[in-house]
Amino acid sequence: QVQPVESGGGLVQAGGSLRLSCAASGRTFSKYTMGWFRQAPGKEREFVGAASWTDGRSYYADSLKGRFTISRDSAKSTIYLQMNSLKPEDTAVYYCAASRLWVPRLETDFDSWGQGTQVTVSS
């Protein structure tokens, strides 16, 4: 099993960019799809995107395509979430999670979760 740990959150102005990192401990990183979720104040946690363990292919929530990019560095057991053209509505706690499934999207598809990192976008 892997344990994700997020980093890279912070305060950024609208229109800016931020890159989050998720380092996963454990020797079986290559067998896990790694994903990102976010939870804004007063809202449910939502799927952002993920990188599949089978071929590293990334996929995203439809509403975030084009602004967010996920990349995976298996040598470092790390995935990244590059966020561009940030908007105040992107303000949320961002979570990294691990799944043994090929293309998980639901919270219940993921087995291990990080503690989350806060991203705040000011207007």
Protein backbone atom coordinates (compact mmCIF):
# COMPACT_ATOMS: atom_id res chain seq x y z
CA GLN A 1 0.00 0.00 0.00
CA VAL A 2 1.17 3.55 -0.64
CA GLN A 3 0.69 6.62 1.53
CA PRO A 4 0.34 9.94 -0.34
CA VAL A 5 1.73 13.20 1.04
CA GLU A 6 0.82 16.48 -0.66
CA SER A 7 2.82 19.69 -0.79
CA GLY A 8 2.95 22.94 -2.73
CA GLY A 9 -0.26 24.65 -1.70
CA GLY A 10 -0.45 28.34 -0.93
CA LEU A 11 -1.89 31.71 -1.83
CA VAL A 12 -1.94 32.86 -5.45
CA GLN A 13 -3.65 35.65 -7.35
CA ALA A 14 -6.35 34.96 -9.89
CA GLY A 15 -4.82 34.16 -13.26
CA GLY A 16 -1.69 32.74 -11.68
CA SER A 17 -0.31 29.22 -11.58
CA LEU A 18 0.59 26.74 -8.90
CA ARG A 19 2.04 23.25 -8.92
CA LEU A 20 1.15 20.69 -6.29
CA SER A 21 3.22 17.60 -5.60
CA CYS A 22 2.22 14.28 -4.16
CA ALA A 23 4.93 11.93 -2.97
CA ALA A 24 3.84 8.37 -2.28
CA SER A 25 5.70 6.13 0.12
CA GLY A 26 5.71 2.40 -0.48
CA ARG A 27 7.41 0.09 -2.97
CA THR A 28 4.40 -0.53 -5.19
CA PHE A 29 3.80 3.01 -6.49
CA SER A 30 3.84 1.77 -10.08
CA LYS A 31 0.78 -0.38 -9.40
CA TYR A 32 -1.39 2.50 -8.23
CA THR A 33 -3.40 5.06 -10.09
CA MET A 34 -2.79 8.39 -8.37
CA GLY A 35 -5.50 11.00 -8.34
CA TRP A 36 -6.36 14.48 -7.15
CA PHE A 37 -9.55 15.65 -5.47
CA ARG A 38 -10.50 18.98 -4.01
CA GLN A 39 -12.97 20.23 -1.45
CA ALA A 40 -14.09 23.83 -1.31
CA PRO A 41 -15.65 25.30 1.86
CA GLY A 42 -19.20 24.09 2.28
CA LYS A 43 -19.01 21.76 -0.70
CA GLU A 44 -18.49 18.09 -1.28
CA ARG A 45 -15.14 16.72 -2.32
CA GLU A 46 -14.87 16.50 -6.11
CA PHE A 47 -12.66 14.62 -8.53
CA VAL A 48 -10.01 16.70 -10.29
CA GLY A 49 -8.08 14.13 -12.32
CA ALA A 50 -5.76 11.14 -12.13
CA ALA A 51 -2.85 9.36 -13.82
CA SER A 52 -3.45 5.69 -14.50
CA TRP A 53 -0.89 3.14 -13.30
CA THR A 54 -1.21 1.06 -16.45
CA ASP A 55 0.19 3.59 -18.94
CA GLY A 56 0.48 6.87 -17.02
CA ARG A 57 -2.32 8.36 -19.10
CA SER A 58 -4.00 11.30 -17.39
CA TYR A 59 -7.70 12.05 -17.37
CA TYR A 60 -9.68 14.89 -15.84
CA ALA A 61 -13.01 16.17 -14.70
CA ASP A 62 -14.62 17.75 -17.74
CA SER A 63 -14.92 21.14 -16.05
CA LEU A 64 -11.15 21.35 -15.49
CA LYS A 65 -9.80 20.20 -18.83
CA GLY A 66 -7.36 22.64 -20.35
CA ARG A 67 -6.35 24.43 -17.16
CA PHE A 68 -5.08 21.55 -15.02
CA THR A 69 -2.41 19.02 -16.00
CA ILE A 70 -1.33 15.91 -14.13
CA SER A 71 2.07 14.36 -14.66
CA ARG A 72 3.68 11.36 -13.11
CA ASP A 73 7.35 10.67 -12.24
CA SER A 74 7.56 6.99 -11.36
CA ALA A 75 11.27 7.21 -10.56
CA LYS A 76 10.41 9.65 -7.76
CA SER A 77 7.08 8.03 -6.85
CA THR A 78 5.55 11.44 -7.28
CA ILE A 79 2.71 12.98 -9.23
CA TYR A 80 2.16 16.64 -9.92
CA LEU A 81 -0.86 18.82 -10.47
CA GLN A 82 -0.05 21.88 -12.57
CA MET A 83 -2.81 24.47 -12.24
CA ASN A 84 -2.92 27.41 -14.62
CA SER A 85 -5.26 30.38 -15.05
CA LEU A 86 -6.44 29.92 -11.50
CA LYS A 87 -9.77 31.35 -10.43
CA PRO A 88 -11.12 32.20 -6.98
CA GLU A 89 -13.50 29.26 -7.31
CA ASP A 90 -10.46 26.95 -7.42
CA THR A 91 -9.91 27.76 -3.74
CA ALA A 92 -10.08 24.45 -1.90
CA VAL A 93 -8.16 21.84 0.01
CA TYR A 94 -6.54 19.58 -2.56
CA TYR A 95 -6.12 15.90 -1.75
CA CYS A 96 -3.98 13.23 -3.34
CA ALA A 97 -5.18 9.64 -3.29
CA ALA A 98 -4.14 6.19 -4.49
CA SER A 99 -6.21 3.49 -6.16
CA ARG A 100 -5.57 -0.02 -7.47
CA LEU A 101 -8.20 0.51 -10.18
CA TRP A 102 -7.38 1.44 -13.77
CA VAL A 103 -9.48 4.59 -14.22
CA PRO A 104 -11.02 5.47 -10.86
CA ARG A 105 -13.12 8.60 -10.46
CA LEU A 106 -15.15 8.14 -7.29
CA GLU A 107 -13.90 8.75 -3.76
CA THR A 108 -14.77 5.16 -2.91
CA ASP A 109 -12.46 3.96 -5.72
CA PHE A 110 -9.43 5.25 -3.81
CA ASP A 111 -7.80 3.40 -0.91
CA SER A 112 -5.26 5.82 0.58
CA TRP A 113 -5.50 9.57 1.09
CA GLY A 114 -3.12 12.36 1.94
CA GLN A 115 -3.84 15.01 4.55
CA GLY A 116 -4.56 17.69 1.96
CA THR A 117 -2.96 20.99 1.06
CA GLN A 118 -4.73 24.36 1.00
CA VAL A 119 -4.89 26.37 -2.21
CA THR A 120 -6.29 29.88 -1.96
CA VAL A 121 -6.86 32.02 -5.04
CA SER A 122 -7.41 35.71 -4.37
CA SER A 123 -9.42 37.92 -6.72
